Amino acid sequence: MAIMADVKIGTRVKEERVKRFWTQDKLAQEADLSSRQVVRIEANEVKPRFSTILKIAEALGVDPNELVERN
């Protein structure tokens, strides 16, 4: 039985967003997400679906693996 690990990307998403001088609203627009969803992802309040991680990575122009926080 496969166990899914908690995927936290909030810190990395925020770092990449800030590097581009983007607001949360700008990232939401580029990734076709709601602004509230971006806020919650950056605060690690939600576990984003893989499809959401892909949207964010594409919007930021990074590999999805770069967004996953390593413990």
C-alpha atoms as a PDB file:
ATOM      1  CA  MET A   1       0.000   0.000   0.000  1.00  0.00           C
ATOM      2  CA  ALA A   2       1.478   3.340  -1.043  1.00  0.00           C
ATOM      3  CA  ILE A   3       1.529   6.127   1.502  1.00  0.00           C
ATOM      4  CA  MET A   4       1.408   9.718   0.295  1.00  0.00           C
ATOM      5  CA  ALA A   5       3.750  12.049   2.121  1.00  0.00           C
ATOM      6  CA  ASP A   6       2.627  15.509   3.095  1.00  0.00           C
ATOM      7  CA  VAL A   7       3.858  17.804   0.367  1.00  0.00           C
ATOM      8  CA  LYS A   8       4.685  21.309   1.513  1.00  0.00           C
ATOM      9  CA  ILE A   9       5.647  23.832  -1.108  1.00  0.00           C
ATOM     10  CA  GLY A  10       4.696  27.119   0.531  1.00  0.00           C
ATOM     11  CA  THR A  11       8.128  28.451   1.394  1.00  0.00           C
ATOM     12  CA  ARG A  12       9.609  27.585  -1.991  1.00  0.00           C
ATOM     13  CA  VAL A  13       6.635  29.011  -3.890  1.00  0.00           C
ATOM     14  CA  LYS A  14       6.923  32.272  -1.978  1.00  0.00           C
ATOM     15  CA  GLU A  15      10.704  32.440  -2.567  1.00  0.00           C
ATOM     16  CA  GLU A  16      10.264  31.940  -6.308  1.00  0.00           C
ATOM     17  CA  ARG A  17       7.381  34.417  -6.450  1.00  0.00           C
ATOM     18  CA  VAL A  18       9.305  37.104  -4.573  1.00  0.00           C
ATOM     19  CA  LYS A  19      12.378  36.598  -6.804  1.00  0.00           C
ATOM     20  CA  ARG A  20      10.160  37.658  -9.697  1.00  0.00           C
ATOM     21  CA  PHE A  21       8.683  40.615  -7.796  1.00  0.00           C
ATOM     22  CA  TRP A  22       5.233  39.066  -8.258  1.00  0.00           C
ATOM     23  CA  THR A  23       2.306  39.580  -5.951  1.00  0.00           C
ATOM     24  CA  GLN A  24       0.211  36.639  -4.834  1.00  0.00           C
ATOM     25  CA  ASP A  25      -2.482  37.928  -7.175  1.00  0.00           C
ATOM     26  CA  LYS A  26      -0.050  37.883 -10.112  1.00  0.00           C
ATOM     27  CA  LEU A  27       0.966  34.291  -9.372  1.00  0.00           C
ATOM     28  CA  ALA A  28      -2.686  33.298  -9.043  1.00  0.00           C
ATOM     29  CA  GLN A  29      -3.446  34.850 -12.419  1.00  0.00           C
ATOM     30  CA  GLU A  30      -0.446  33.229 -14.134  1.00  0.00           C
ATOM     31  CA  ALA A  31      -1.207  29.801 -12.637  1.00  0.00           C
ATOM     32  CA  ASP A  32      -4.978  30.051 -13.169  1.00  0.00           C
ATOM     33  CA  LEU A  33      -5.687  29.727  -9.432  1.00  0.00           C
ATOM     34  CA  SER A  34      -7.599  31.849  -6.969  1.00  0.00           C
ATOM     35  CA  SER A  35      -5.674  34.372  -4.906  1.00  0.00           C
ATOM     36  CA  ARG A  36      -6.982  32.714  -1.755  1.00  0.00           C
ATOM     37  CA  GLN A  37      -5.589  29.373  -2.915  1.00  0.00           C
ATOM     38  CA  VAL A  38      -2.133  30.893  -3.391  1.00  0.00           C
ATOM     39  CA  VAL A  39      -2.301  32.453   0.091  1.00  0.00           C
ATOM     40  CA  ARG A  40      -3.218  29.100   1.638  1.00  0.00           C
ATOM     41  CA  ILE A  41      -0.520  27.216  -0.299  1.00  0.00           C
ATOM     42  CA  GLU A  42       2.187  29.681   0.731  1.00  0.00           C
ATOM     43  CA  ALA A  43       1.051  29.367   4.362  1.00  0.00           C
ATOM     44  CA  ASN A  44       1.150  25.542   4.057  1.00  0.00           C
ATOM     45  CA  GLU A  45      -2.494  25.433   5.140  1.00  0.00           C
ATOM     46  CA  VAL A  46      -3.428  23.016   2.362  1.00  0.00           C
ATOM     47  CA  LYS A  47      -1.908  20.019   0.622  1.00  0.00           C
ATOM     48  CA  PRO A  48      -1.933  21.021  -3.049  1.00  0.00           C
ATOM     49  CA  ARG A  49      -2.882  18.491  -5.681  1.00  0.00           C
ATOM     50  CA  PHE A  50      -0.212  17.432  -8.112  1.00  0.00           C
ATOM     51  CA  SER A  51      -2.029  19.293 -10.885  1.00  0.00           C
ATOM     52  CA  THR A  52      -1.860  22.495  -8.811  1.00  0.00           C
ATOM     53  CA  ILE A  53       1.869  22.024  -8.206  1.00  0.00           C
ATOM     54  CA  LEU A  54       2.335  21.638 -11.964  1.00  0.00           C
ATOM     55  CA  LYS A  55       0.377  24.845 -12.669  1.00  0.00           C
ATOM     56  CA  ILE A  56       2.453  26.821 -10.184  1.00  0.00           C
ATOM     57  CA  ALA A  57       5.734  25.384 -11.447  1.00  0.00           C
ATOM     58  CA  GLU A  58       4.819  26.198 -15.041  1.00  0.00           C
ATOM     59  CA  ALA A  59       3.789  29.737 -14.127  1.00  0.00           C
ATOM     60  CA  LEU A  60       7.083  30.273 -12.297  1.00  0.00           C
ATOM     61  CA  GLY A  61       9.135  28.537 -14.994  1.00  0.00           C
ATOM     62  CA  VAL A  62      10.678  25.992 -12.622  1.00  0.00           C
ATOM     63  CA  ASP A  63      10.743  22.222 -12.348  1.00  0.00           C
ATOM     64  CA  PRO A  64       8.027  20.992  -9.944  1.00  0.00           C
ATOM     65  CA  ASN A  65      10.705  19.189  -7.910  1.00  0.00           C
ATOM     66  CA  GLU A  66      12.242  22.562  -7.071  1.00  0.00           C
ATOM     67  CA  LEU A  67       9.081  23.555  -5.218  1.00  0.00           C
ATOM     68  CA  VAL A  68       8.953  20.580  -2.862  1.00  0.00           C
ATOM     69  CA  GLU A  69      10.433  21.384   0.527  1.00  0.00           C
ATOM     70  CA  ARG A  70      12.969  18.857   1.750  1.00  0.00           C
ATOM     71  CA  ASN A  71      13.084  17.921   5.431  1.00  0.00           C
END
